[in-house]
C-alpha atoms as a PDB file:
ATOM      1  CA  MET A   1     -24.146 -10.273  -1.636  1.00  0.00           C
ATOM      2  CA  ASN A   2     -22.125  -9.276   1.113  1.00  0.00           C
ATOM      3  CA  THR A   3     -19.483 -11.789  -0.124  1.00  0.00           C
ATOM      4  CA  LEU A   4     -19.091  -9.888  -3.301  1.00  0.00           C
ATOM      5  CA  LYS A   5     -18.936  -6.295  -1.571  1.00  0.00           C
ATOM      6  CA  SER A   6     -16.337  -7.857   0.700  1.00  0.00           C
ATOM      7  CA  ILE A   7     -14.146  -9.056  -2.076  1.00  0.00           C
ATOM      8  CA  GLY A   8     -14.684  -5.538  -3.712  1.00  0.00           C
ATOM      9  CA  ALA A   9     -13.810  -3.639  -0.654  1.00  0.00           C
ATOM     10  CA  VAL A  10     -10.396  -5.503  -0.268  1.00  0.00           C
ATOM     11  CA  LEU A  11      -9.841  -5.242  -4.107  1.00  0.00           C
ATOM     12  CA  ALA A  12     -10.529  -1.624  -4.392  1.00  0.00           C
ATOM     13  CA  GLY A  13      -7.855  -0.948  -1.700  1.00  0.00           C
ATOM     14  CA  PHE A  14      -5.447  -3.268  -3.317  1.00  0.00           C
ATOM     15  CA  ILE A  15      -5.874  -1.996  -6.888  1.00  0.00           C
ATOM     16  CA  PHE A  16      -5.862   1.734  -5.518  1.00  0.00           C
ATOM     17  CA  ILE A  17      -2.539   0.936  -3.778  1.00  0.00           C
ATOM     18  CA  VAL A  18      -0.790  -0.834  -6.873  1.00  0.00           C
ATOM     19  CA  ILE A  19      -2.087   1.888  -9.327  1.00  0.00           C
ATOM     20  CA  SER A  20      -0.985   4.875  -6.996  1.00  0.00           C
ATOM     21  CA  HIS A  21       2.437   3.281  -6.266  1.00  0.00           C
ATOM     22  CA  THR A  22       2.987   2.222  -9.804  1.00  0.00           C
ATOM     23  CA  GLY A  23       1.748   5.441 -11.375  1.00  0.00           C
ATOM     24  CA  THR A  24       3.750   7.537  -9.103  1.00  0.00           C
ATOM     25  CA  ASP A  25       7.022   5.558  -9.969  1.00  0.00           C
ATOM     26  CA  LEU A  26       6.055   6.128 -13.715  1.00  0.00           C
ATOM     27  CA  ILE A  27       5.544   9.807 -13.360  1.00  0.00           C
ATOM     28  CA  LEU A  28       9.008  10.235 -11.261  1.00  0.00           C
ATOM     29  CA  GLU A  29      10.890   8.055 -14.038  1.00  0.00           C
ATOM     30  CA  LYS A  30       9.424   9.986 -16.964  1.00  0.00           C
ATOM     31  CA  ALA A  31      10.213  13.445 -15.383  1.00  0.00           C
ATOM     32  CA  GLY A  32      13.968  12.023 -14.808  1.00  0.00           C
ATOM     33  CA  ILE A  33      13.728  11.991 -11.074  1.00  0.00           C
ATOM     34  CA  PHE A  34      13.818   8.106 -10.832  1.00  0.00           C
ATOM     35  CA  PRO A  35      16.015   6.124 -13.157  1.00  0.00           C
ATOM     36  CA  PRO A  36      14.343   3.659 -15.240  1.00  0.00           C
ATOM     37  CA  PRO A  37      13.766   0.386 -13.351  1.00  0.00           C
ATOM     38  CA  ASP A  38      16.201  -2.036 -15.288  1.00  0.00           C
ATOM     39  CA  GLN A  39      18.998   0.414 -13.699  1.00  0.00           C
ATOM     40  CA  GLY A  40      17.594  -0.227 -10.070  1.00  0.00           C
ATOM     41  CA  LEU A  41      17.235   2.248  -7.492  1.00  0.00           C
ATOM     42  CA  PHE A  42      20.018   2.706  -5.029  1.00  0.00           C
ATOM     43  CA  ILE A  43      20.261   6.656  -3.906  1.00  0.00           C
ATOM     44  CA  THR A  44      18.871   6.858  -0.497  1.00  0.00           C
ATOM     45  CA  TRP A  45      17.017  10.132  -0.642  1.00  0.00           C
ATOM     46  CA  MET A  46      15.011   8.344  -3.650  1.00  0.00           C
ATOM     47  CA  LEU A  47      14.425   5.323  -1.810  1.00  0.00           C
ATOM     48  CA  LEU A  48      13.199   7.409   1.140  1.00  0.00           C
ATOM     49  CA  LEU A  49      10.905   9.583  -1.142  1.00  0.00           C
ATOM     50  CA  ALA A  50       9.453   6.090  -2.564  1.00  0.00           C
ATOM     51  CA  LEU A  51       9.162   4.548   0.737  1.00  0.00           C
ATOM     52  CA  THR A  52       7.180   7.485   2.101  1.00  0.00           C
ATOM     53  CA  TYR A  53       4.694   8.150  -0.613  1.00  0.00           C
ATOM     54  CA  ARG A  54       4.117   4.329  -0.872  1.00  0.00           C
ATOM     55  CA  MET A  55       3.203   4.376   2.951  1.00  0.00           C
ATOM     56  CA  ILE A  56       0.797   7.085   2.647  1.00  0.00           C
ATOM     57  CA  PHE A  57      -1.022   5.625  -0.533  1.00  0.00           C
ATOM     58  CA  THR A  58      -0.912   2.464   1.478  1.00  0.00           C
ATOM     59  CA  VAL A  59      -2.893   4.192   4.407  1.00  0.00           C
ATOM     60  CA  VAL A  60      -5.449   5.483   1.857  1.00  0.00           C
ATOM     61  CA  GLY A  61      -6.035   1.949   0.651  1.00  0.00           C
ATOM     62  CA  GLY A  62      -6.613   1.003   4.082  1.00  0.00           C
ATOM     63  CA  ALA A  63      -9.029   3.742   4.433  1.00  0.00           C
ATOM     64  CA  ILE A  64     -10.819   2.768   0.944  1.00  0.00           C
ATOM     65  CA  THR A  65     -11.317  -0.802   2.117  1.00  0.00           C
ATOM     66  CA  ALA A  66     -12.483   0.203   5.508  1.00  0.00           C
ATOM     67  CA  ALA A  67     -14.981   2.614   3.714  1.00  0.00           C
ATOM     68  CA  LEU A  68     -16.514   0.015   1.241  1.00  0.00           C
ATOM     69  CA  ALA A  69     -16.420  -3.045   3.670  1.00  0.00           C
ATOM     70  CA  PRO A  70     -20.257  -4.049   4.164  1.00  0.00           C
ATOM     71  CA  ARG A  71     -19.597  -4.583   7.682  1.00  0.00           C
ATOM     72  CA  ASN A  72     -16.380  -5.661  10.113  1.00  0.00           C
ATOM     73  CA  PRO A  73     -14.051  -3.105   8.363  1.00  0.00           C
ATOM     74  CA  MET A  74     -10.888  -4.207  10.252  1.00  0.00           C
ATOM     75  CA  LYS A  75     -11.482  -7.536   9.049  1.00  0.00           C
ATOM     76  CA  HIS A  76     -11.475  -6.814   5.609  1.00  0.00           C
ATOM     77  CA  VAL A  77      -8.397  -4.150   6.493  1.00  0.00           C
ATOM     78  CA  THR A  78      -6.531  -7.118   7.997  1.00  0.00           C
ATOM     79  CA  ILE A  79      -7.096  -9.312   4.771  1.00  0.00           C
ATOM     80  CA  LEU A  80      -5.882  -6.586   2.711  1.00  0.00           C
ATOM     81  CA  GLY A  81      -2.877  -6.101   5.335  1.00  0.00           C
ATOM     82  CA  ILE A  82      -1.866  -9.671   4.618  1.00  0.00           C
ATOM     83  CA  ILE A  83      -1.971  -9.672   1.026  1.00  0.00           C
ATOM     84  CA  GLY A  84       0.529  -6.602   1.491  1.00  0.00           C
ATOM     85  CA  ILE A  85       2.756  -8.680   3.484  1.00  0.00           C
ATOM     86  CA  LEU A  86       2.755 -11.255   0.892  1.00  0.00           C
ATOM     87  CA  GLY A  87       3.344  -9.120  -1.746  1.00  0.00           C
ATOM     88  CA  GLY A  88       6.070  -7.502   0.006  1.00  0.00           C
ATOM     89  CA  ILE A  89       7.765 -10.799   0.696  1.00  0.00           C
ATOM     90  CA  GLY A  90       7.594 -11.609  -2.884  1.00  0.00           C
ATOM     91  CA  GLY A  91       8.970  -7.823  -3.686  1.00  0.00           C
ATOM     92  CA  ILE A  92      11.966  -9.043  -1.261  1.00  0.00           C
ATOM     93  CA  VAL A  93      12.588 -11.998  -3.424  1.00  0.00           C
ATOM     94  CA  ASN A  94      12.149 -10.450  -6.866  1.00  0.00           C
ATOM     95  CA  GLY A  95      13.638  -7.177  -6.015  1.00  0.00           C
ATOM     96  CA  TRP A  96      16.336  -7.988  -3.881  1.00  0.00           C
ATOM     97  CA  ASN A  97      19.273  -6.683  -6.221  1.00  0.00           C
ATOM     98  CA  LEU A  98      16.988  -3.967  -7.931  1.00  0.00           C
ATOM     99  CA  SER A  99      17.649  -1.598  -4.959  1.00  0.00           C
ATOM    100  CA  ALA A 100      19.362  -1.196  -1.278  1.00  0.00           C
ATOM    101  CA  HIS A 101      18.355  -4.319   0.697  1.00  0.00           C
ATOM    102  CA  TRP A 102      16.681  -2.562   3.477  1.00  0.00           C
ATOM    103  CA  TYR A 103      14.043  -1.024   0.979  1.00  0.00           C
ATOM    104  CA  PRO A 104      12.006  -4.168  -0.050  1.00  0.00           C
ATOM    105  CA  VAL A 105      12.469  -5.273   3.535  1.00  0.00           C
ATOM    106  CA  ALA A 106      11.002  -1.777   4.798  1.00  0.00           C
ATOM    107  CA  LEU A 107       8.055  -1.732   2.198  1.00  0.00           C
ATOM    108  CA  ALA A 108       7.342  -5.605   3.654  1.00  0.00           C
ATOM    109  CA  LEU A 109       7.385  -4.343   7.202  1.00  0.00           C
ATOM    110  CA  THR A 110       5.428  -1.151   6.882  1.00  0.00           C
ATOM    111  CA  ALA A 111       2.558  -2.924   4.590  1.00  0.00           C
ATOM    112  CA  PHE A 112       0.339  -4.124   7.471  1.00  0.00           C
ATOM    113  CA  PRO A 113       0.840  -1.225   9.727  1.00  0.00           C
ATOM    114  CA  CYS A 114      -0.133   1.209   7.298  1.00  0.00           C
ATOM    115  CA  VAL A 115      -3.085  -0.472   5.912  1.00  0.00           C
ATOM    116  CA  TRP A 116      -4.078  -0.988   9.589  1.00  0.00           C
ATOM    117  CA  LEU A 117      -3.569   2.843  10.351  1.00  0.00           C
ATOM    118  CA  GLY A 118      -5.874   3.789   7.191  1.00  0.00           C
ATOM    119  CA  GLY A 119      -8.581   1.380   8.141  1.00  0.00           C
ATOM    120  CA  LYS A 120      -8.550   2.776  11.949  1.00  0.00           C
ATOM    121  CA  LEU A 121      -8.605   6.426  10.774  1.00  0.00           C
ATOM    122  CA  LYS A 122     -11.619   5.615   8.504  1.00  0.00           C
ATOM    123  CA  THR A 123     -13.601   3.538  11.070  1.00  0.00           C
ATOM    124  CA  LYS A 124     -12.644   6.529  13.702  1.00  0.00           C
ATOM    125  CA  GLN A 125     -13.988   9.036  11.319  1.00  0.00           C
ATOM    126  CA  ASN A 126     -17.200   7.088  10.839  1.00  0.00           C
ATOM    127  CA  ARG A 127     -17.754   6.487  14.493  1.00  0.00           C
ATOM    128  CA  MET A 128     -17.413  10.389  14.785  1.00  0.00           C
ATOM    129  CA  ILE A 129     -19.969  11.261  11.808  1.00  0.00           C
ATOM    130  CA  ILE A 130     -22.334   8.777  13.469  1.00  0.00           C
ATOM    131  CA  ASN A 131     -22.098  10.526  17.301  1.00  0.00           C
END
């Protein structure tokens, strides 16, 4: 039973991250703030905005995973972080010509630290509540 809870904890954080990233991108595209995906994204302030909200959502995803983990929350967060790094590498390969080159690299490099921060903040919050 804990195995399913563990998978669910990691999956919940992952799903939150994917939906929040994609949803925010879609909202900004529909509002005319970002160009359609097929045109690429090369304007620095737009990339910095996207990186910022993606980092925030990734921190929250780490906190969700830590909160739902049946035990050893940081182990679950680490797994999510590794998945994020692998996804980031995939983004570098697939998105190299869709934005400034620093952007997919930054996403890959920030995936693990952001997830880890979310997990640490959540586990610290849990310890404060218990004490």
